[in-house]
Amino acid sequence: MPYVIRITPPDLRYRATRMEKNCELVKAELLDLMKILEPLRSTSLDESSRVLFEDFDKICLILQEWDDVVYSFASEMKYAATKVELADRGQG
């Protein structure tokens, strides 16, 4: 049974690049938020503030891990695009 390719290599690359750009936007927003919150960290002494900063720190770690996953997936998409092109040329 022949395979049907529903997405072209240029489409794969485009989508991978778009994912990377969206990831950069999220990182930029997070950095902006960090710039706002960091000065408040040393001045906030109550329990609710402590919990807020602990939760924020956890979220930052989770977002960093997610960032790594997204970049890895985008890289795999670009690699797949190259493999499809090579296969189409009979070099794969």
N, C-alpha and C. Protein backbone atom coordinates (compact mmCIF):
# COMPACT_ATOMS: atom_id res chain seq x y z
N MET A 1 0.84 -1.18 0.00
CA MET A 1 0.00 0.00 0.00
C MET A 1 0.89 1.25 0.00
N PRO A 2 0.73 2.10 -0.97
CA PRO A 2 1.57 3.31 -1.03
C PRO A 2 1.18 4.30 0.07
N TYR A 3 2.18 5.04 0.49
CA TYR A 3 1.95 6.08 1.49
C TYR A 3 1.45 7.35 0.81
N VAL A 4 0.60 8.07 1.49
CA VAL A 4 0.10 9.34 0.99
C VAL A 4 0.67 10.43 1.89
N ILE A 5 1.44 11.33 1.29
CA ILE A 5 2.04 12.43 2.05
C ILE A 5 1.05 13.58 2.04
N ARG A 6 0.62 13.97 3.21
CA ARG A 6 -0.38 15.03 3.31
C ARG A 6 0.23 16.39 3.67
N ILE A 7 1.50 16.39 3.98
CA ILE A 7 2.18 17.66 4.28
C ILE A 7 3.53 17.63 3.57
N THR A 8 3.86 18.72 2.96
CA THR A 8 5.09 18.78 2.19
C THR A 8 6.27 19.15 3.09
N PRO A 9 7.49 18.86 2.66
CA PRO A 9 8.66 19.25 3.45
C PRO A 9 8.71 20.75 3.75
N PRO A 10 8.40 21.62 2.78
CA PRO A 10 8.39 23.06 3.13
C PRO A 10 7.35 23.38 4.20
N ASP A 11 6.19 22.70 4.15
CA ASP A 11 5.18 22.91 5.18
C ASP A 11 5.68 22.47 6.55
N LEU A 12 6.36 21.34 6.59
CA LEU A 12 6.94 20.86 7.85
C LEU A 12 7.91 21.88 8.42
N ARG A 13 8.79 22.37 7.55
CA ARG A 13 9.78 23.36 8.02
C ARG A 13 9.10 24.64 8.49
N TYR A 14 8.10 25.08 7.74
CA TYR A 14 7.38 26.29 8.13
C TYR A 14 6.74 26.13 9.50
N ARG A 15 6.07 25.01 9.70
CA ARG A 15 5.40 24.77 10.99
C ARG A 15 6.41 24.64 12.13
N ALA A 16 7.55 24.01 11.85
CA ALA A 16 8.59 23.89 12.87
C ALA A 16 9.13 25.27 13.25
N THR A 17 9.36 26.09 12.25
CA THR A 17 9.86 27.44 12.51
C THR A 17 8.83 28.26 13.27
N ARG A 18 7.57 28.10 12.91
CA ARG A 18 6.50 28.82 13.62
C ARG A 18 6.43 28.39 15.09
N MET A 19 6.60 27.10 15.34
CA MET A 19 6.62 26.62 16.72
C MET A 19 7.77 27.25 17.50
N GLU A 20 8.94 27.31 16.87
CA GLU A 20 10.10 27.91 17.53
C GLU A 20 9.86 29.39 17.83
N LYS A 21 9.26 30.10 16.89
CA LYS A 21 8.98 31.52 17.11
C LYS A 21 7.96 31.72 18.24
N ASN A 22 6.94 30.88 18.28
CA ASN A 22 5.96 30.97 19.36
C ASN A 22 6.61 30.67 20.70
N CYS A 23 7.54 29.76 20.70
CA CYS A 23 8.27 29.44 21.93
C CYS A 23 9.08 30.66 22.39
N GLU A 24 9.68 31.34 21.44
CA GLU A 24 10.43 32.55 21.77
C GLU A 24 9.52 33.63 22.36
N LEU A 25 8.30 33.73 21.83
CA LEU A 25 7.35 34.70 22.38
C LEU A 25 7.00 34.38 23.83
N VAL A 26 6.79 33.12 24.11
CA VAL A 26 6.47 32.70 25.48
C VAL A 26 7.65 33.01 26.40
N LYS A 27 8.86 32.71 25.93
CA LYS A 27 10.04 33.01 26.75
C LYS A 27 10.17 34.50 27.02
N ALA A 28 9.91 35.31 26.03
CA ALA A 28 10.00 36.77 26.20
C ALA A 28 8.96 37.26 27.21
N GLU A 29 7.75 36.74 27.13
CA GLU A 29 6.70 37.13 28.08
C GLU A 29 7.08 36.70 29.50
N LEU A 30 7.63 35.53 29.62
CA LEU A 30 8.05 35.04 30.93
C LEU A 30 9.16 35.91 31.51
N LEU A 31 10.11 36.29 30.67
CA LEU A 31 11.18 37.18 31.14
C LEU A 31 10.63 38.53 31.58
N ASP A 32 9.67 39.05 30.85
CA ASP A 32 9.05 40.31 31.25
C ASP A 32 8.37 40.17 32.61
N LEU A 33 7.68 39.07 32.79
CA LEU A 33 7.02 38.82 34.07
C LEU A 33 8.03 38.67 35.20
N MET A 34 9.13 38.02 34.91
CA MET A 34 10.19 37.87 35.92
C MET A 34 10.76 39.22 36.32
N LYS A 35 10.92 40.11 35.35
CA LYS A 35 11.44 41.45 35.64
C LYS A 35 10.49 42.22 36.57
N ILE A 36 9.22 41.96 36.43
CA ILE A 36 8.23 42.64 37.28
C ILE A 36 8.24 42.04 38.68
N LEU A 37 8.31 40.72 38.75
CA LEU A 37 8.17 40.04 40.04
C LEU A 37 9.45 40.03 40.89
N GLU A 38 10.60 39.95 40.25
CA GLU A 38 11.84 39.82 41.03
C GLU A 38 12.06 40.93 42.05
N PRO A 39 11.84 42.20 41.71
CA PRO A 39 12.03 43.24 42.72
C PRO A 39 11.08 43.09 43.91
N LEU A 40 9.93 42.48 43.67
CA LEU A 40 8.95 42.30 44.74
C LEU A 40 9.30 41.14 45.67
N ARG A 41 10.11 40.22 45.19
CA ARG A 41 10.44 39.02 45.95
C ARG A 41 11.05 39.35 47.31
N SER A 42 11.96 40.28 47.34
CA SER A 42 12.64 40.59 48.60
C SER A 42 11.79 41.44 49.54
N THR A 43 10.77 42.08 49.01
CA THR A 43 9.94 42.94 49.86
C THR A 43 8.68 42.25 50.36
N SER A 44 8.38 41.09 49.82
CA SER A 44 7.16 40.36 50.20
C SER A 44 7.49 39.36 51.29
N LEU A 45 6.87 39.55 52.44
CA LEU A 45 7.20 38.73 53.59
C LEU A 45 6.08 37.81 54.07
N ASP A 46 4.87 38.02 53.60
CA ASP A 46 3.76 37.22 54.11
C ASP A 46 3.69 35.86 53.41
N GLU A 47 2.87 34.98 53.97
CA GLU A 47 2.76 33.61 53.49
C GLU A 47 2.23 33.53 52.06
N SER A 48 1.24 34.33 51.74
CA SER A 48 0.67 34.28 50.39
C SER A 48 1.71 34.68 49.33
N SER A 49 2.56 35.63 49.67
CA SER A 49 3.62 36.03 48.74
C SER A 49 4.64 34.91 48.56
N ARG A 50 4.98 34.26 49.66
CA ARG A 50 5.93 33.15 49.60
C ARG A 50 5.39 32.04 48.69
N VAL A 51 4.11 31.73 48.85
CA VAL A 51 3.48 30.69 48.03
C VAL A 51 3.45 31.12 46.57
N LEU A 52 3.13 32.38 46.32
CA LEU A 52 3.12 32.88 44.95
C LEU A 52 4.47 32.69 44.28
N PHE A 53 5.55 33.07 44.96
CA PHE A 53 6.88 32.96 44.36
C PHE A 53 7.31 31.51 44.21
N GLU A 54 6.93 30.65 45.15
CA GLU A 54 7.25 29.22 45.01
C GLU A 54 6.53 28.65 43.79
N ASP A 55 5.26 28.99 43.63
CA ASP A 55 4.50 28.51 42.48
C ASP A 55 5.07 29.06 41.17
N PHE A 56 5.43 30.32 41.19
CA PHE A 56 6.01 30.93 39.99
C PHE A 56 7.32 30.24 39.61
N ASP A 57 8.15 29.95 40.60
CA ASP A 57 9.41 29.26 40.33
C ASP A 57 9.16 27.87 39.74
N LYS A 58 8.16 27.17 40.24
CA LYS A 58 7.82 25.85 39.70
C LYS A 58 7.35 25.97 38.25
N ILE A 59 6.52 26.96 37.99
CA ILE A 59 6.02 27.16 36.63
C ILE A 59 7.16 27.49 35.68
N CYS A 60 8.11 28.28 36.14
CA CYS A 60 9.26 28.61 35.29
C CYS A 60 10.03 27.35 34.90
N LEU A 61 10.21 26.44 35.84
CA LEU A 61 10.89 25.18 35.55
C LEU A 61 10.10 24.34 34.55
N ILE A 62 8.80 24.28 34.74
CA ILE A 62 7.94 23.51 33.83
C ILE A 62 7.99 24.10 32.43
N LEU A 63 7.94 25.42 32.34
CA LEU A 63 7.99 26.07 31.03
C LEU A 63 9.33 25.85 30.35
N GLN A 64 10.41 25.78 31.12
CA GLN A 64 11.72 25.51 30.53
C GLN A 64 11.75 24.10 29.96
N GLU A 65 11.18 23.14 30.70
CA GLU A 65 11.13 21.77 30.19
C GLU A 65 10.27 21.71 28.92
N TRP A 66 9.14 22.42 28.92
CA TRP A 66 8.27 22.45 27.76
C TRP A 66 8.99 23.08 26.58
N ASP A 67 9.74 24.12 26.84
CA ASP A 67 10.53 24.79 25.82
C ASP A 67 11.47 23.77 25.15
N ASP A 68 12.14 22.96 25.95
CA ASP A 68 13.05 21.95 25.42
C ASP A 68 12.31 20.94 24.54
N VAL A 69 11.12 20.55 24.97
CA VAL A 69 10.31 19.59 24.20
C VAL A 69 9.91 20.20 22.86
N VAL A 70 9.46 21.44 22.87
CA VAL A 70 9.02 22.09 21.64
C VAL A 70 10.18 22.22 20.66
N TYR A 71 11.34 22.67 21.13
CA TYR A 71 12.49 22.81 20.24
C TYR A 71 12.93 21.45 19.69
N SER A 72 12.89 20.44 20.52
CA SER A 72 13.25 19.10 20.07
C SER A 72 12.28 18.60 19.00
N PHE A 73 11.00 18.82 19.22
CA PHE A 73 9.99 18.40 18.25
C PHE A 73 10.16 19.16 16.93
N ALA A 74 10.42 20.45 17.02
CA ALA A 74 10.64 21.26 15.81
C ALA A 74 11.85 20.74 15.04
N SER A 75 12.88 20.38 15.76
CA SER A 75 14.08 19.82 15.12
C SER A 75 13.76 18.51 14.41
N GLU A 76 12.96 17.67 15.05
CA GLU A 76 12.55 16.40 14.44
C GLU A 76 11.72 16.64 13.19
N MET A 77 10.87 17.66 13.21
CA MET A 77 10.06 17.98 12.04
C MET A 77 10.96 18.40 10.86
N LYS A 78 11.96 19.21 11.15
CA LYS A 78 12.88 19.64 10.09
C LYS A 78 13.68 18.45 9.55
N TYR A 79 14.07 17.57 10.45
CA TYR A 79 14.80 16.36 10.03
C TYR A 79 13.91 15.49 9.15
N ALA A 80 12.65 15.32 9.52
CA ALA A 80 11.71 14.53 8.73
C ALA A 80 11.53 15.15 7.34
N ALA A 81 11.48 16.46 7.28
CA ALA A 81 11.34 17.14 5.98
C ALA A 81 12.52 16.79 5.07
N THR A 82 13.71 16.82 5.64
CA THR A 82 14.91 16.49 4.87
C THR A 82 14.87 15.03 4.42
N LYS A 83 14.46 14.14 5.31
CA LYS A 83 14.39 12.72 4.96
C LYS A 83 13.39 12.48 3.83
N VAL A 84 12.24 13.14 3.87
CA VAL A 84 11.24 12.99 2.81
C VAL A 84 11.81 13.48 1.48
N GLU A 85 12.48 14.63 1.51
CA GLU A 85 13.07 15.16 0.28
C GLU A 85 14.12 14.20 -0.30
N LEU A 86 14.93 13.64 0.58
CA LEU A 86 15.94 12.69 0.12
C LEU A 86 15.28 11.44 -0.46
N ALA A 87 14.24 10.97 0.19
CA ALA A 87 13.52 9.79 -0.31
C ALA A 87 12.91 10.09 -1.68
N ASP A 88 12.36 11.28 -1.83
CA ASP A 88 11.76 11.67 -3.11
C ASP A 88 12.80 11.68 -4.24
N ARG A 89 14.02 12.01 -3.88
CA ARG A 89 15.10 12.05 -4.87
C ARG A 89 15.77 10.69 -5.04
N GLY A 90 15.30 9.70 -4.27
CA GLY A 90 15.88 8.36 -4.35
C GLY A 90 17.20 8.24 -3.61
N GLN A 91 17.45 9.16 -2.68
CA GLN A 91 18.69 9.14 -1.91
C GLN A 91 18.48 8.69 -0.48
N GLY A 92 17.24 8.41 -0.08
CA GLY A 92 16.92 8.10 1.30
C GLY A 92 16.90 6.66 1.58
